[in-house]
PDB file of all heavy atoms in Angstrom:
ATOM      1  N   ALA A   1     169.131  47.002  37.999  1.00  0.00           N
ATOM      2  CA  ALA A   1     170.109  47.504  38.956  1.00  0.00           C
ATOM      3  C   ALA A   1     169.611  47.417  40.411  1.00  0.00           C
ATOM      4  O   ALA A   1     170.409  47.142  41.317  1.00  0.00           O
ATOM      5  CB  ALA A   1     170.458  48.948  38.623  1.00  0.00           C
ATOM      6  N   ILE A   2     168.313  47.669  40.633  1.00  0.00           N
ATOM      7  CA  ILE A   2     167.780  47.581  41.994  1.00  0.00           C
ATOM      8  C   ILE A   2     167.931  46.180  42.574  1.00  0.00           C
ATOM      9  O   ILE A   2     168.333  46.012  43.729  1.00  0.00           O
ATOM     10  CB  ILE A   2     166.317  48.057  42.034  1.00  0.00           C
ATOM     11  CG1 ILE A   2     166.225  49.566  41.711  1.00  0.00           C
ATOM     12  CG2 ILE A   2     165.678  47.753  43.378  1.00  0.00           C
ATOM     13  CD1 ILE A   2     164.835  50.097  41.617  1.00  0.00           C
ATOM     14  N   GLU A   3     167.678  45.143  41.738  1.00  0.00           N
ATOM     15  CA  GLU A   3     167.843  43.770  42.232  1.00  0.00           C
ATOM     16  C   GLU A   3     169.319  43.527  42.586  1.00  0.00           C
ATOM     17  O   GLU A   3     169.615  42.826  43.565  1.00  0.00           O
ATOM     18  CB  GLU A   3     167.383  42.781  41.154  1.00  0.00           C
ATOM     19  CG  GLU A   3     165.908  42.868  40.793  1.00  0.00           C
ATOM     20  CD  GLU A   3     165.510  41.966  39.687  1.00  0.00           C
ATOM     21  OE1 GLU A   3     166.336  41.059  39.339  1.00  0.00           O
ATOM     22  OE2 GLU A   3     164.434  42.136  39.096  1.00  0.00           O
ATOM     23  N   THR A   4     170.237  44.066  41.762  1.00  0.00           N
ATOM     24  CA  THR A   4     171.649  43.908  42.025  1.00  0.00           C
ATOM     25  C   THR A   4     172.031  44.561  43.344  1.00  0.00           C
ATOM     26  O   THR A   4     172.759  43.999  44.179  1.00  0.00           O
ATOM     27  CB  THR A   4     172.502  44.467  40.907  1.00  0.00           C
ATOM     28  OG1 THR A   4     172.169  43.739  39.712  1.00  0.00           O
ATOM     29  CG2 THR A   4     173.986  44.372  41.194  1.00  0.00           C
ATOM     30  N   ILE A   5     171.569  45.779  43.587  1.00  0.00           N
ATOM     31  CA  ILE A   5     171.893  46.479  44.833  1.00  0.00           C
ATOM     32  C   ILE A   5     171.396  45.739  46.035  1.00  0.00           C
ATOM     33  O   ILE A   5     172.138  45.554  46.987  1.00  0.00           O
ATOM     34  CB  ILE A   5     171.250  47.935  44.771  1.00  0.00           C
ATOM     35  CG1 ILE A   5     171.904  48.739  43.689  1.00  0.00           C
ATOM     36  CG2 ILE A   5     171.370  48.604  46.144  1.00  0.00           C
ATOM     37  CD1 ILE A   5     171.157  50.034  43.363  1.00  0.00           C
ATOM     38  N   VAL A   6     170.166  45.249  45.978  1.00  0.00           N
ATOM     39  CA  VAL A   6     169.585  44.565  47.116  1.00  0.00           C
ATOM     40  C   VAL A   6     170.253  43.191  47.347  1.00  0.00           C
ATOM     41  O   VAL A   6     170.610  42.842  48.439  1.00  0.00           O
ATOM     42  CB  VAL A   6     168.079  44.363  46.903  1.00  0.00           C
ATOM     43  CG1 VAL A   6     167.489  43.446  48.022  1.00  0.00           C
ATOM     44  CG2 VAL A   6     167.337  45.696  46.914  1.00  0.00           C
ATOM     45  N   GLY A   7     170.544  42.510  46.263  1.00  0.00           N
ATOM     46  CA  GLY A   7     171.245  41.223  46.364  1.00  0.00           C
ATOM     47  C   GLY A   7     172.577  41.350  46.957  1.00  0.00           C
ATOM     48  O   GLY A   7     173.054  40.585  47.857  1.00  0.00           O
ATOM     49  N   ALA A   8     173.380  42.348  46.510  1.00  0.00           N
ATOM     50  CA  ALA A   8     174.720  42.536  47.023  1.00  0.00           C
ATOM     51  C   ALA A   8     174.671  42.949  48.491  1.00  0.00           C
ATOM     52  O   ALA A   8     175.449  42.492  49.302  1.00  0.00           O
ATOM     53  CB  ALA A   8     175.434  43.657  46.199  1.00  0.00           C
ATOM     54  N   ALA A   9     173.719  43.851  48.865  1.00  0.00           N
ATOM     55  CA  ALA A   9     173.609  44.274  50.241  1.00  0.00           C
ATOM     56  C   ALA A   9     173.343  43.124  51.202  1.00  0.00           C
ATOM     57  O   ALA A   9     173.848  43.049  52.299  1.00  0.00           O
ATOM     58  CB  ALA A   9     172.499  45.351  50.384  1.00  0.00           C
ATOM     59  N   LYS A  10     172.492  42.207  50.770  1.00  0.00           N
ATOM     60  CA  LYS A  10     172.208  41.011  51.609  1.00  0.00           C
ATOM     61  C   LYS A  10     173.502  40.203  51.834  1.00  0.00           C
ATOM     62  O   LYS A  10     173.649  39.624  52.875  1.00  0.00           O
ATOM     63  CB  LYS A  10     171.116  40.171  50.956  1.00  0.00           C
ATOM     64  CG  LYS A  10     169.760  40.822  51.024  1.00  0.00           C
ATOM     65  CD  LYS A  10     168.694  39.941  50.364  1.00  0.00           C
ATOM     66  CE  LYS A  10     167.306  40.587  50.457  1.00  0.00           C
ATOM     67  NZ  LYS A  10     166.259  39.767  49.796  1.00  0.00           N
ATOM     68  N   SER A  11     174.307  40.142  50.831  1.00  0.00           N
ATOM     69  CA  SER A  11     175.586  39.402  50.937  1.00  0.00           C
ATOM     70  C   SER A  11     176.588  40.158  51.833  1.00  0.00           C
ATOM     71  O   SER A  11     177.582  39.559  52.252  1.00  0.00           O
ATOM     72  CB  SER A  11     176.223  39.173  49.562  1.00  0.00           C
ATOM     73  OG  SER A  11     175.396  38.387  48.758  1.00  0.00           O
ATOM     74  N   PHE A  12     176.328  41.419  52.104  1.00  0.00           N
ATOM     75  CA  PHE A  12     177.288  42.234  52.906  1.00  0.00           C
ATOM     76  C   PHE A  12     177.002  42.140  54.391  1.00  0.00           C
ATOM     77  O   PHE A  12     177.585  42.869  55.181  1.00  0.00           O
ATOM     78  CB  PHE A  12     177.244  43.713  52.454  1.00  0.00           C
ATOM     79  CG  PHE A  12     177.827  43.962  51.124  1.00  0.00           C
ATOM     80  CD1 PHE A  12     177.452  45.108  50.385  1.00  0.00           C
ATOM     81  CD2 PHE A  12     178.793  43.146  50.578  1.00  0.00           C
ATOM     82  CE1 PHE A  12     177.995  45.369  49.150  1.00  0.00           C
ATOM     83  CE2 PHE A  12     179.337  43.392  49.336  1.00  0.00           C
ATOM     84  CZ  PHE A  12     178.955  44.488  48.634  1.00  0.00           C
ATOM     85  N   ASP A  13     176.036  41.310  54.806  1.00  0.00           N
ATOM     86  CA  ASP A  13     175.737  41.225  56.239  1.00  0.00           C
ATOM     87  C   ASP A  13     176.961  40.919  57.092  1.00  0.00           C
ATOM     88  O   ASP A  13     177.037  41.385  58.233  1.00  0.00           O
ATOM     89  CB  ASP A  13     174.712  40.099  56.452  1.00  0.00           C
ATOM     90  CG  ASP A  13     173.302  40.517  56.008  1.00  0.00           C
ATOM     91  OD1 ASP A  13     173.095  41.709  55.766  1.00  0.00           O
ATOM     92  OD2 ASP A  13     172.435  39.637  55.905  1.00  0.00           O
ATOM     93  N   PHE A  14     177.926  40.179  56.540  1.00  0.00           N
ATOM     94  CA  PHE A  14     179.131  39.865  57.328  1.00  0.00           C
ATOM     95  C   PHE A  14     179.955  41.112  57.595  1.00  0.00           C
ATOM     96  O   PHE A  14     180.816  41.091  58.518  1.00  0.00           O
ATOM     97  CB  PHE A  14     179.967  38.829  56.540  1.00  0.00           C
ATOM     98  CG  PHE A  14     180.703  39.348  55.368  1.00  0.00           C
ATOM     99  CD1 PHE A  14     182.073  39.677  55.439  1.00  0.00           C
ATOM    100  CD2 PHE A  14     180.057  39.640  54.176  1.00  0.00           C
ATOM    101  CE1 PHE A  14     182.751  40.184  54.342  1.00  0.00           C
ATOM    102  CE2 PHE A  14     180.739  40.162  53.078  1.00  0.00           C
ATOM    103  CZ  PHE A  14     182.084  40.467  53.155  1.00  0.00           C
ATOM    104  N   LEU A  15     179.745  42.177  56.894  1.00  0.00           N
ATOM    105  CA  LEU A  15     180.480  43.414  57.136  1.00  0.00           C
ATOM    106  C   LEU A  15     179.827  44.300  58.174  1.00  0.00           C
ATOM    107  O   LEU A  15     180.353  45.318  58.562  1.00  0.00           O
ATOM    108  CB  LEU A  15     180.629  44.214  55.834  1.00  0.00           C
ATOM    109  CG  LEU A  15     181.491  43.600  54.766  1.00  0.00           C
ATOM    110  CD1 LEU A  15     181.439  44.378  53.476  1.00  0.00           C
ATOM    111  CD2 LEU A  15     182.965  43.464  55.214  1.00  0.00           C
ATOM    112  N   GLY A  16     178.599  43.917  58.642  1.00  0.00           N
ATOM    113  CA  GLY A  16     177.870  44.748  59.579  1.00  0.00           C
ATOM    114  C   GLY A  16     177.506  46.077  58.912  1.00  0.00           C
ATOM    115  O   GLY A  16     176.930  46.120  57.814  1.00  0.00           O
ATOM    116  N   GLU A  17     177.857  47.181  59.561  1.00  0.00           N
ATOM    117  CA  GLU A  17     177.575  48.526  59.007  1.00  0.00           C
ATOM    118  C   GLU A  17     178.716  49.086  58.209  1.00  0.00           C
ATOM    119  O   GLU A  17     178.662  50.192  57.715  1.00  0.00           O
ATOM    120  CB  GLU A  17     177.248  49.459  60.179  1.00  0.00           C
ATOM    121  CG  GLU A  17     176.003  49.110  60.941  1.00  0.00           C
ATOM    122  CD  GLU A  17     174.733  49.296  60.080  1.00  0.00           C
ATOM    123  OE1 GLU A  17     174.596  50.291  59.393  1.00  0.00           O
ATOM    124  OE2 GLU A  17     173.907  48.354  60.069  1.00  0.00           O
ATOM    125  N   ASP A  18     179.781  48.283  58.028  1.00  0.00           N
ATOM    126  CA  ASP A  18     181.016  48.839  57.492  1.00  0.00           C
ATOM    127  C   ASP A  18     181.062  48.632  55.941  1.00  0.00           C
ATOM    128  O   ASP A  18     181.977  47.999  55.432  1.00  0.00           O
ATOM    129  CB  ASP A  18     182.213  48.143  58.165  1.00  0.00           C
ATOM    130  CG  ASP A  18     183.513  48.898  57.872  1.00  0.00           C
ATOM    131  OD1 ASP A  18     183.476  50.073  57.524  1.00  0.00           O
ATOM    132  OD2 ASP A  18     184.611  48.228  57.993  1.00  0.00           O
ATOM    133  N   TYR A  19     180.099  49.153  55.252  1.00  0.00           N
ATOM    134  CA  TYR A  19     180.153  49.147  53.794  1.00  0.00           C
ATOM    135  C   TYR A  19     179.284  50.274  53.302  1.00  0.00           C
ATOM    136  O   TYR A  19     178.461  50.870  53.998  1.00  0.00           O
ATOM    137  CB  TYR A  19     179.649  47.790  53.250  1.00  0.00           C
ATOM    138  CG  TYR A  19     178.164  47.601  53.315  1.00  0.00           C
ATOM    139  CD1 TYR A  19     177.371  47.958  52.191  1.00  0.00           C
ATOM    140  CD2 TYR A  19     177.525  47.109  54.418  1.00  0.00           C
ATOM    141  CE1 TYR A  19     175.979  47.808  52.187  1.00  0.00           C
ATOM    142  CE2 TYR A  19     176.126  46.920  54.453  1.00  0.00           C
ATOM    143  CZ  TYR A  19     175.387  47.303  53.358  1.00  0.00           C
ATOM    144  OH  TYR A  19     174.011  47.183  53.384  1.00  0.00           O
ATOM    145  N   GLU A  20     179.421  50.569  52.007  1.00  0.00           N
ATOM    146  CA  GLU A  20     178.579  51.577  51.334  1.00  0.00           C
ATOM    147  C   GLU A  20     178.348  51.098  49.893  1.00  0.00           C
ATOM    148  O   GLU A  20     179.151  50.357  49.317  1.00  0.00           O
ATOM    149  CB  GLU A  20     179.248  52.941  51.301  1.00  0.00           C
ATOM    150  CG  GLU A  20     180.595  52.973  50.612  1.00  0.00           C
ATOM    151  CD  GLU A  20     181.344  54.284  50.720  1.00  0.00           C
ATOM    152  OE1 GLU A  20     180.718  55.271  51.094  1.00  0.00           O
ATOM    153  OE2 GLU A  20     182.537  54.304  50.447  1.00  0.00           O
ATOM    154  N   THR A  21     177.253  51.478  49.346  1.00  0.00           N
ATOM    155  CA  THR A  21     176.936  51.153  47.916  1.00  0.00           C
ATOM    156  C   THR A  21     176.815  52.474  47.150  1.00  0.00           C
ATOM    157  O   THR A  21     176.033  53.344  47.527  1.00  0.00           O
ATOM    158  CB  THR A  21     175.595  50.408  47.858  1.00  0.00           C
ATOM    159  OG1 THR A  21     175.670  49.258  48.598  1.00  0.00           O
ATOM    160  CG2 THR A  21     175.276  50.067  46.393  1.00  0.00           C
ATOM    161  N   ILE A  22     177.648  52.641  46.171  1.00  0.00           N
ATOM    162  CA  ILE A  22     177.670  53.809  45.332  1.00  0.00           C
ATOM    163  C   ILE A  22     177.178  53.467  43.977  1.00  0.00           C
ATOM    164  O   ILE A  22     177.700  52.593  43.268  1.00  0.00           O
ATOM    165  CB  ILE A  22     179.107  54.415  45.286  1.00  0.00           C
ATOM    166  CG1 ILE A  22     179.561  54.847  46.674  1.00  0.00           C
ATOM    167  CG2 ILE A  22     179.154  55.577  44.290  1.00  0.00           C
ATOM    168  CD1 ILE A  22     180.930  55.318  46.755  1.00  0.00           C
ATOM    169  N   VAL A  23     176.142  54.116  43.560  1.00  0.00           N
ATOM    170  CA  VAL A  23     175.586  53.951  42.209  1.00  0.00           C
ATOM    171  C   VAL A  23     175.933  55.152  41.380  1.00  0.00           C
ATOM    172  O   VAL A  23     175.641  56.271  41.676  1.00  0.00           O
ATOM    173  CB  VAL A  23     174.042  53.797  42.282  1.00  0.00           C
ATOM    174  CG1 VAL A  23     173.475  53.668  40.851  1.00  0.00           C
ATOM    175  CG2 VAL A  23     173.615  52.605  43.116  1.00  0.00           C
ATOM    176  N   VAL A  24     176.642  54.870  40.289  1.00  0.00           N
ATOM    177  CA  VAL A  24     176.970  55.920  39.347  1.00  0.00           C
ATOM    178  C   VAL A  24     175.944  55.904  38.230  1.00  0.00           C
ATOM    179  O   VAL A  24     175.871  54.931  37.430  1.00  0.00           O
ATOM    180  CB  VAL A  24     178.412  55.749  38.774  1.00  0.00           C
ATOM    181  CG1 VAL A  24     178.724  56.878  37.780  1.00  0.00           C
ATOM    182  CG2 VAL A  24     179.415  55.727  39.898  1.00  0.00           C
ATOM    183  N   ASP A  25     175.110  56.896  38.211  1.00  0.00           N
ATOM    184  CA  ASP A  25     174.013  56.997  37.276  1.00  0.00           C
ATOM    185  C   ASP A  25     174.495  57.603  35.951  1.00  0.00           C
ATOM    186  O   ASP A  25     174.778  58.796  35.882  1.00  0.00           O
ATOM    187  CB  ASP A  25     172.880  57.841  37.899  1.00  0.00           C
ATOM    188  CG  ASP A  25     171.659  57.883  36.941  1.00  0.00           C
ATOM    189  OD1 ASP A  25     171.646  57.232  35.935  1.00  0.00           O
ATOM    190  OD2 ASP A  25     170.722  58.634  37.303  1.00  0.00           O
ATOM    191  N   ASN A  26     174.594  56.760  34.962  1.00  0.00           N
ATOM    192  CA  ASN A  26     175.057  57.198  33.627  1.00  0.00           C
ATOM    193  C   ASN A  26     173.965  57.679  32.724  1.00  0.00           C
ATOM    194  O   ASN A  26     174.079  57.649  31.486  1.00  0.00           O
ATOM    195  CB  ASN A  26     175.832  56.042  32.942  1.00  0.00           C
ATOM    196  CG  ASN A  26     177.305  56.033  33.269  1.00  0.00           C
ATOM    197  OD1 ASN A  26     177.851  56.992  33.815  1.00  0.00           O
ATOM    198  ND2 ASN A  26     177.993  54.965  33.018  1.00  0.00           N
ATOM    199  N   ALA A  27     172.866  58.066  33.272  1.00  0.00           N
ATOM    200  CA  ALA A  27     171.703  58.523  32.493  1.00  0.00           C
ATOM    201  C   ALA A  27     172.111  59.743  31.631  1.00  0.00           C
ATOM    202  O   ALA A  27     172.800  60.671  32.094  1.00  0.00           O
ATOM    203  CB  ALA A  27     170.510  58.907  33.358  1.00  0.00           C
ATOM    204  N   LYS A  28     171.691  59.722  30.386  1.00  0.00           N
ATOM    205  CA  LYS A  28     171.950  60.821  29.505  1.00  0.00           C
ATOM    206  C   LYS A  28     171.041  62.017  29.878  1.00  0.00           C
ATOM    207  O   LYS A  28     170.007  61.847  30.535  1.00  0.00           O
ATOM    208  CB  LYS A  28     171.675  60.435  28.022  1.00  0.00           C
ATOM    209  CG  LYS A  28     172.592  59.333  27.511  1.00  0.00           C
ATOM    210  CD  LYS A  28     172.202  58.965  26.085  1.00  0.00           C
ATOM    211  CE  LYS A  28     173.069  57.808  25.585  1.00  0.00           C
ATOM    212  NZ  LYS A  28     172.684  57.380  24.192  1.00  0.00           N
ATOM    213  N   VAL A  29     171.455  63.176  29.466  1.00  0.00           N
ATOM    214  CA  VAL A  29     170.629  64.382  29.669  1.00  0.00           C
ATOM    215  C   VAL A  29     169.249  64.147  29.000  1.00  0.00           C
ATOM    216  O   VAL A  29     169.167  63.777  27.857  1.00  0.00           O
ATOM    217  CB  VAL A  29     171.314  65.624  29.108  1.00  0.00           C
ATOM    218  CG1 VAL A  29     170.425  66.848  29.244  1.00  0.00           C
ATOM    219  CG2 VAL A  29     172.656  65.889  29.781  1.00  0.00           C
ATOM    220  N   GLY A  30     168.192  64.418  29.779  1.00  0.00           N
ATOM    221  CA  GLY A  30     166.857  64.226  29.247  1.00  0.00           C
ATOM    222  C   GLY A  30     166.281  62.885  29.617  1.00  0.00           C
ATOM    223  O   GLY A  30     165.034  62.735  29.536  1.00  0.00           O
ATOM    224  N   GLU A  31     167.058  61.892  30.044  1.00  0.00           N
ATOM    225  CA  GLU A  31     166.577  60.632  30.489  1.00  0.00           C
ATOM    226  C   GLU A  31     166.176  60.702  31.958  1.00  0.00           C
ATOM    227  O   GLU A  31     166.683  61.533  32.702  1.00  0.00           O
ATOM    228  CB  GLU A  31     167.604  59.533  30.265  1.00  0.00           C
ATOM    229  CG  GLU A  31     167.879  59.177  28.850  1.00  0.00           C
ATOM    230  CD  GLU A  31     168.892  58.015  28.720  1.00  0.00           C
ATOM    231  OE1 GLU A  31     169.702  57.855  29.682  1.00  0.00           O
ATOM    232  OE2 GLU A  31     168.867  57.331  27.692  1.00  0.00           O
ATOM    233  N   GLU A  32     165.304  59.794  32.354  1.00  0.00           N
ATOM    234  CA  GLU A  32     164.895  59.738  33.774  1.00  0.00           C
ATOM    235  C   GLU A  32     166.084  59.327  34.602  1.00  0.00           C
ATOM    236  O   GLU A  32     166.767  58.313  34.307  1.00  0.00           O
ATOM    237  CB  GLU A  32     163.776  58.760  33.943  1.00  0.00           C
ATOM    238  CG  GLU A  32     162.402  59.251  33.437  1.00  0.00           C
ATOM    239  CD  GLU A  32     161.896  60.437  34.230  1.00  0.00           C
ATOM    240  OE1 GLU A  32     162.077  60.471  35.446  1.00  0.00           O
ATOM    241  OE2 GLU A  32     161.297  61.320  33.577  1.00  0.00           O
TER     242      GLU A  32
END
């Protein structure tokens, strides 16, 4: 997921500061 976040963000340069990345963490209770 970290590689995906960084790769997508690099592609968002054309948007300048006008974007956000939201990660929905589906970790189960007890998982890291």
